[in-house]
C-alpha atoms as a PDB file:
ATOM      1  CA  MET A   1      15.180 -13.360  11.618  1.00  0.00           C
ATOM      2  CA  HIS A   2      14.925 -11.737   8.207  1.00  0.00           C
ATOM      3  CA  ASP A   3      17.365 -10.417   5.649  1.00  0.00           C
ATOM      4  CA  ALA A   4      18.394  -6.783   5.735  1.00  0.00           C
ATOM      5  CA  PRO A   5      16.376  -4.493   3.456  1.00  0.00           C
ATOM      6  CA  ARG A   6      17.845  -4.121   0.005  1.00  0.00           C
ATOM      7  CA  VAL A   7      18.313  -0.726  -1.604  1.00  0.00           C
ATOM      8  CA  ILE A   8      17.376  -0.195  -5.231  1.00  0.00           C
ATOM      9  CA  ASP A   9      18.589   2.735  -7.299  1.00  0.00           C
ATOM     10  CA  ASP A  10      15.424   3.298  -9.353  1.00  0.00           C
ATOM     11  CA  GLU A  11      15.920   5.674 -12.276  1.00  0.00           C
ATOM     12  CA  LYS A  12      12.127   6.130 -12.576  1.00  0.00           C
ATOM     13  CA  LEU A  13      11.887   7.917  -9.207  1.00  0.00           C
ATOM     14  CA  LEU A  14      11.284  11.634  -9.591  1.00  0.00           C
ATOM     15  CA  PRO A  15      13.404  14.141  -7.646  1.00  0.00           C
ATOM     16  CA  CYS A  16      12.194  15.081  -4.177  1.00  0.00           C
ATOM     17  CA  PRO A  17       9.278  17.545  -4.377  1.00  0.00           C
ATOM     18  CA  PHE A  18      10.651  19.427  -1.357  1.00  0.00           C
ATOM     19  CA  CYS A  19      14.376  19.841  -2.011  1.00  0.00           C
ATOM     20  CA  GLY A  20      14.952  18.353  -5.482  1.00  0.00           C
ATOM     21  CA  GLY A  21      17.253  15.667  -4.048  1.00  0.00           C
ATOM     22  CA  LYS A  22      17.723  12.136  -5.381  1.00  0.00           C
ATOM     23  CA  ALA A  23      15.541   9.384  -3.916  1.00  0.00           C
ATOM     24  CA  ASP A  24      16.377   5.732  -3.249  1.00  0.00           C
ATOM     25  CA  MET A  25      14.062   2.784  -2.697  1.00  0.00           C
ATOM     26  CA  GLU A  26      14.477   0.245   0.120  1.00  0.00           C
ATOM     27  CA  ILE A  27      12.613  -3.067   0.116  1.00  0.00           C
ATOM     28  CA  SER A  28      12.101  -5.319   3.128  1.00  0.00           C
ATOM     29  CA  GLU A  29      10.740  -8.783   2.366  1.00  0.00           C
ATOM     30  CA  PRO A  30       7.814 -10.239   4.355  1.00  0.00           C
ATOM     31  CA  HIS A  31       8.946 -11.915   7.560  1.00  0.00           C
ATOM     32  CA  THR A  32       7.932 -13.409  10.873  1.00  0.00           C
ATOM     33  CA  HIS A  33       9.322 -12.075  14.120  1.00  0.00           C
ATOM     34  CA  HIS A  34      10.823 -15.218  15.669  1.00  0.00           C
ATOM     35  CA  VAL A  35      12.427 -13.523  18.665  1.00  0.00           C
ATOM     36  CA  ALA A  36       9.709 -10.996  19.497  1.00  0.00           C
ATOM     37  CA  THR A  37       6.804 -13.407  19.103  1.00  0.00           C
ATOM     38  CA  PHE A  38       4.334 -10.823  20.441  1.00  0.00           C
ATOM     39  CA  MET A  39       4.847  -8.790  17.245  1.00  0.00           C
ATOM     40  CA  PRO A  40       2.662  -9.578  14.224  1.00  0.00           C
ATOM     41  CA  ASP A  41       4.148 -10.930  11.009  1.00  0.00           C
ATOM     42  CA  SER A  42       5.357  -8.225   8.659  1.00  0.00           C
ATOM     43  CA  PRO A  43       4.012  -8.016   5.089  1.00  0.00           C
ATOM     44  CA  GLY A  44       7.282  -6.301   4.163  1.00  0.00           C
ATOM     45  CA  TYR A  45       7.485  -2.762   2.902  1.00  0.00           C
ATOM     46  CA  VAL A  46       8.769  -0.435   0.228  1.00  0.00           C
ATOM     47  CA  LEU A  47      10.348   2.754   1.558  1.00  0.00           C
ATOM     48  CA  VAL A  48      11.302   5.612  -0.754  1.00  0.00           C
ATOM     49  CA  SER A  49      13.320   8.395   0.817  1.00  0.00           C
ATOM     50  CA  CYS A  50      15.204  11.500  -0.261  1.00  0.00           C
ATOM     51  CA  ASN A  51      18.975  11.521   0.199  1.00  0.00           C
ATOM     52  CA  GLY A  52      18.848  15.291   0.755  1.00  0.00           C
ATOM     53  CA  CYS A  53      16.088  16.125   3.226  1.00  0.00           C
ATOM     54  CA  SER A  54      14.961  12.614   4.274  1.00  0.00           C
ATOM     55  CA  ALA A  55      11.350  13.095   3.120  1.00  0.00           C
ATOM     56  CA  SER A  56       9.855   9.622   2.641  1.00  0.00           C
ATOM     57  CA  VAL A  57       6.863   7.446   1.835  1.00  0.00           C
ATOM     58  CA  ILE A  58       6.294   3.861   2.899  1.00  0.00           C
ATOM     59  CA  VAL A  59       4.000   1.277   1.323  1.00  0.00           C
ATOM     60  CA  ASP A  60       3.021  -2.065   2.915  1.00  0.00           C
ATOM     61  CA  GLY A  61       4.053  -5.085   0.886  1.00  0.00           C
ATOM     62  CA  THR A  62       6.840  -5.411  -1.652  1.00  0.00           C
ATOM     63  CA  ASP A  63       5.239  -3.932  -4.758  1.00  0.00           C
ATOM     64  CA  ILE A  64       8.015  -1.784  -6.259  1.00  0.00           C
ATOM     65  CA  ASP A  65       5.588  -0.117  -8.686  1.00  0.00           C
ATOM     66  CA  ALA A  66       3.295   0.916  -5.791  1.00  0.00           C
ATOM     67  CA  GLY A  67       6.237   2.460  -3.945  1.00  0.00           C
ATOM     68  CA  ARG A  68       7.356   4.348  -7.042  1.00  0.00           C
ATOM     69  CA  GLU A  69       3.817   5.599  -7.746  1.00  0.00           C
ATOM     70  CA  ALA A  70       3.359   6.757  -4.131  1.00  0.00           C
ATOM     71  CA  TRP A  71       6.602   8.764  -4.319  1.00  0.00           C
ATOM     72  CA  ASN A  72       6.122  10.155  -7.800  1.00  0.00           C
ATOM     73  CA  ARG A  73       2.596  11.490  -7.187  1.00  0.00           C
ATOM     74  CA  ARG A  74       3.615  13.546  -4.140  1.00  0.00           C
ATOM     75  CA  THR A  75       3.663  17.306  -4.344  1.00  0.00           C
ATOM     76  CA  ALA A  76       5.414  19.868  -2.185  1.00  0.00           C
ATOM     77  CA  GLY A  77       3.496  20.399   1.046  1.00  0.00           C
ATOM     78  CA  ALA A  78       1.664  17.049   0.778  1.00  0.00           C
END
């Protein structure tokens, strides 16, 4: 079992390119699925999502900078 994802309020995240809403970052640490052993180990992830319209990006691993860069380089319609 793994710890619940932690939410980071990152001031460097740009507003949502779709609705202008505020975005938050969620980080899940790498973990092994002990109960569902048929599932592969997880490298963890960084999820950035808009609090307004729920637009999101997800990046494998726990690199906060990579998650921020993936969110900040998005454009409306992408």
